[in-house]
Amino acid sequence: MASPTPPANAFTQHDHAHCADTTLHKAEAVAAEKGVRLTPVRKRALEILLEEHRAMGAYEVLDRLAADGFGNQPPVAYRALEFLVDNGLAHRVRRLNAFAACMRPGEEHAPVFLICRECGEVAEAGADEVRQALLGAADRLGFHVERATVEALGLCPKCYQEAAQ
C-alpha cells in the first residue's frame, strides 16, 4: 500500500487555506468514523488551531472561542482541546504547554514537532523511521506504545537564514 501524501508544513510554501480545509474535512471524517460528535465548539477550536502552523495555549484558544460566543470559562477550551487530543485531531505540544492541530488525522503516526525557537512556528513532520525505531525498542522490552510524541527545538529555514546573515 502506498504511503499517504505528506501534508504541507509550516516551513514550506503552500496554499494554507487549502491545507487547513483539507485537514478539517479529514478530521470531520475521522470523527464520523469513530462515532464521536464534533460539536460546534470542538469544531471551532480545531478551526482556530488550523488557522496557523503554530501551537496555541489553551487560554489563547479560549479567548478566540469567547470572541465567537462560546463562553469564557476555561473548561470550555480545555474540554474541547481534550476531546481533539483524545480523538487524534490535535496534539499537545508539551514543551510549549500548547496545542497544535494534527495534520494527519486518521493516520497512525508518532508525530515529531519541529518548533522554531525564534518565530514560534511548529511543523508536524512525518517520522515513520522514528516511529519504527521506537516500536522496535518497545517491542524488545515487551512494552506496548499507545502514544508517543517527539519535540525538537531549533530554527526554521527562514529564521536560520536570517540568523546566518
Protein backbone atom coordinates (compact mmCIF):
# COMPACT_ATOMS: atom_id res chain seq x y z
CA MET A 1 0.00 0.00 0.00
CA ALA A 2 1.35 3.44 -0.93
CA SER A 3 2.00 5.78 1.95
CA PRO A 4 -0.20 8.87 2.14
CA THR A 5 1.00 12.13 0.68
CA PRO A 6 2.70 14.08 3.44
CA PRO A 7 0.83 17.21 4.49
CA ALA A 8 2.23 20.66 3.86
CA ASN A 9 4.10 22.12 6.79
CA ALA A 10 4.84 25.47 8.30
CA PHE A 11 8.26 25.67 6.72
CA THR A 12 7.19 25.20 3.09
CA GLN A 13 5.32 27.47 0.73
CA HIS A 14 1.80 26.15 0.29
CA ASP A 15 -1.84 27.15 -0.06
CA HIS A 16 -2.62 27.31 3.65
CA ALA A 17 -6.38 27.77 3.17
CA HIS A 18 -6.46 24.53 1.17
CA CYS A 19 -4.19 22.84 3.72
CA ALA A 20 -6.48 23.81 6.63
CA ASP A 21 -9.67 22.96 4.75
CA THR A 22 -8.38 19.53 3.71
CA THR A 23 -7.26 18.73 7.25
CA LEU A 24 -10.60 19.89 8.70
CA HIS A 25 -12.51 17.63 6.28
CA LYS A 26 -10.27 14.68 7.22
CA ALA A 27 -10.88 15.41 10.91
CA GLU A 28 -14.65 15.51 10.36
CA ALA A 29 -14.46 12.14 8.58
CA VAL A 30 -12.37 10.66 11.41
CA ALA A 31 -14.89 11.87 14.00
CA ALA A 32 -17.76 10.39 11.98
CA GLU A 33 -15.92 7.05 11.63
CA LYS A 34 -15.32 6.95 15.38
CA GLY A 35 -18.93 7.89 16.09
CA VAL A 36 -17.96 10.94 18.15
CA ARG A 37 -19.55 14.37 17.83
CA LEU A 38 -17.54 17.28 16.53
CA THR A 39 -19.79 19.81 18.29
CA PRO A 40 -19.71 23.47 17.21
CA VAL A 41 -17.28 24.44 20.00
CA ARG A 42 -14.98 21.47 19.25
CA LYS A 43 -15.05 22.21 15.53
CA ARG A 44 -14.35 25.91 16.13
CA ALA A 45 -11.43 25.03 18.44
CA LEU A 46 -9.98 22.87 15.66
CA GLU A 47 -10.52 25.62 13.10
CA ILE A 48 -8.65 28.05 15.37
CA LEU A 49 -5.73 25.62 15.67
CA LEU A 50 -5.70 25.19 11.90
CA GLU A 51 -5.51 28.92 11.17
CA GLU A 52 -1.73 28.96 11.58
CA HIS A 53 1.04 26.41 11.75
CA ARG A 54 1.89 27.08 15.36
CA ALA A 55 0.92 25.75 18.72
CA MET A 56 -1.57 27.74 20.78
CA GLY A 57 -2.11 27.84 24.51
CA ALA A 58 -5.49 26.92 25.94
CA TYR A 59 -6.15 30.49 27.07
CA GLU A 60 -5.42 31.83 23.60
CA VAL A 61 -7.93 29.33 22.19
CA LEU A 62 -10.37 30.29 24.96
CA ASP A 63 -10.10 33.99 24.07
CA ARG A 64 -10.90 33.19 20.45
CA LEU A 65 -13.80 30.91 21.43
CA ALA A 66 -15.20 33.59 23.74
CA ALA A 67 -14.99 36.17 20.94
CA ASP A 68 -17.06 33.76 18.83
CA GLY A 69 -19.71 33.46 21.56
CA PHE A 70 -18.78 30.09 23.06
CA GLY A 71 -18.25 31.35 26.62
CA ASN A 72 -15.19 32.50 28.50
CA GLN A 73 -14.78 29.85 31.21
CA PRO A 74 -11.55 27.80 30.97
CA PRO A 75 -13.38 24.43 30.92
CA VAL A 76 -14.90 25.44 27.55
CA ALA A 77 -11.47 25.43 25.88
CA TYR A 78 -9.95 22.62 27.93
CA ARG A 79 -12.82 20.22 27.22
CA ALA A 80 -12.76 20.98 23.50
CA LEU A 81 -8.97 20.63 23.31
CA GLU A 82 -9.01 17.43 25.39
CA PHE A 83 -11.61 15.96 23.03
CA LEU A 84 -9.49 16.88 19.99
CA VAL A 85 -6.35 15.33 21.52
CA ASP A 86 -8.15 12.19 22.74
CA ASN A 87 -9.56 11.61 19.26
CA GLY A 88 -6.33 12.22 17.34
CA LEU A 89 -7.45 15.54 15.85
CA ALA A 90 -4.91 17.66 17.75
CA HIS A 91 -1.68 17.15 19.67
CA ARG A 92 -0.44 18.57 22.93
CA VAL A 93 2.97 20.17 22.47
CA ARG A 94 4.26 19.79 26.00
CA ARG A 95 7.40 21.91 25.59
CA LEU A 96 5.17 24.89 24.83
CA ASN A 97 2.26 23.87 27.08
CA ALA A 98 0.15 24.32 23.98
CA PHE A 99 -1.89 22.52 21.33
CA ALA A 100 -1.50 22.08 17.59
CA ALA A 101 -3.92 20.66 15.05
CA CYS A 102 -3.00 17.19 13.86
CA MET A 103 -2.04 17.47 10.21
CA ARG A 104 -2.52 13.71 9.70
CA PRO A 105 -5.87 12.91 11.34
CA GLY A 106 -6.91 9.29 10.99
CA GLU A 107 -3.39 8.09 10.24
CA GLU A 108 -1.48 6.04 12.76
CA HIS A 109 1.66 8.04 13.43
CA ALA A 110 4.04 9.25 16.11
CA PRO A 111 4.32 12.97 15.45
CA VAL A 112 7.60 14.79 15.50
CA PHE A 113 7.21 18.50 16.17
CA LEU A 114 9.85 20.86 14.86
CA ILE A 115 9.50 24.03 16.91
CA CYS A 116 11.18 27.25 15.79
CA ARG A 117 12.51 28.97 18.89
CA GLU A 118 12.59 32.31 17.08
CA CYS A 119 9.23 32.72 15.29
CA GLY A 120 7.22 30.03 17.11
CA GLU A 121 6.07 28.15 14.01
CA VAL A 122 5.53 24.46 14.51
CA ALA A 123 5.75 21.81 11.80
CA GLU A 124 4.41 18.32 12.34
CA ALA A 125 6.89 16.15 10.50
CA GLY A 126 6.19 12.67 9.32
CA ALA A 127 8.72 10.44 11.01
CA ASP A 128 7.96 6.85 10.18
CA GLU A 129 11.62 5.95 10.79
CA VAL A 130 11.43 7.34 14.33
CA ARG A 131 8.14 5.52 14.93
CA GLN A 132 9.56 2.20 13.71
CA ALA A 133 12.69 2.61 15.88
CA LEU A 134 10.55 3.43 18.92
CA LEU A 135 8.19 0.50 18.33
CA GLY A 136 11.16 -1.84 17.86
CA ALA A 137 12.79 -0.69 21.10
CA ALA A 138 9.48 -1.02 22.96
CA ASP A 139 8.82 -4.46 21.48
CA ARG A 140 12.22 -5.72 22.65
CA LEU A 141 11.17 -4.78 26.18
CA GLY A 142 7.66 -6.19 25.84
CA PHE A 143 6.18 -2.70 26.03
CA HIS A 144 3.12 -1.61 24.03
CA VAL A 145 3.30 2.05 22.93
CA GLU A 146 -0.09 3.77 22.95
CA ARG A 147 1.03 7.31 22.19
CA ALA A 148 4.38 8.98 21.55
CA THR A 149 5.46 12.47 20.59
CA VAL A 150 8.91 13.86 19.82
CA GLU A 151 9.58 17.60 20.07
CA ALA A 152 12.67 19.26 18.59
CA LEU A 153 13.58 22.89 19.24
CA GLY A 154 15.62 24.81 16.69
CA LEU A 155 15.36 27.31 13.86
CA CYS A 156 13.08 27.10 10.84
CA PRO A 157 14.71 27.68 7.44
CA LYS A 158 13.70 31.36 7.35
CA CYS A 159 14.94 32.15 10.86
CA TYR A 160 18.12 30.12 10.32
CA GLN A 161 18.87 32.08 7.16
CA GLU A 162 18.20 35.40 8.93
CA ALA A 163 20.47 34.40 11.83
CA ALA A 164 23.26 33.46 9.41
CA GLN A 165 23.35 36.96 7.89
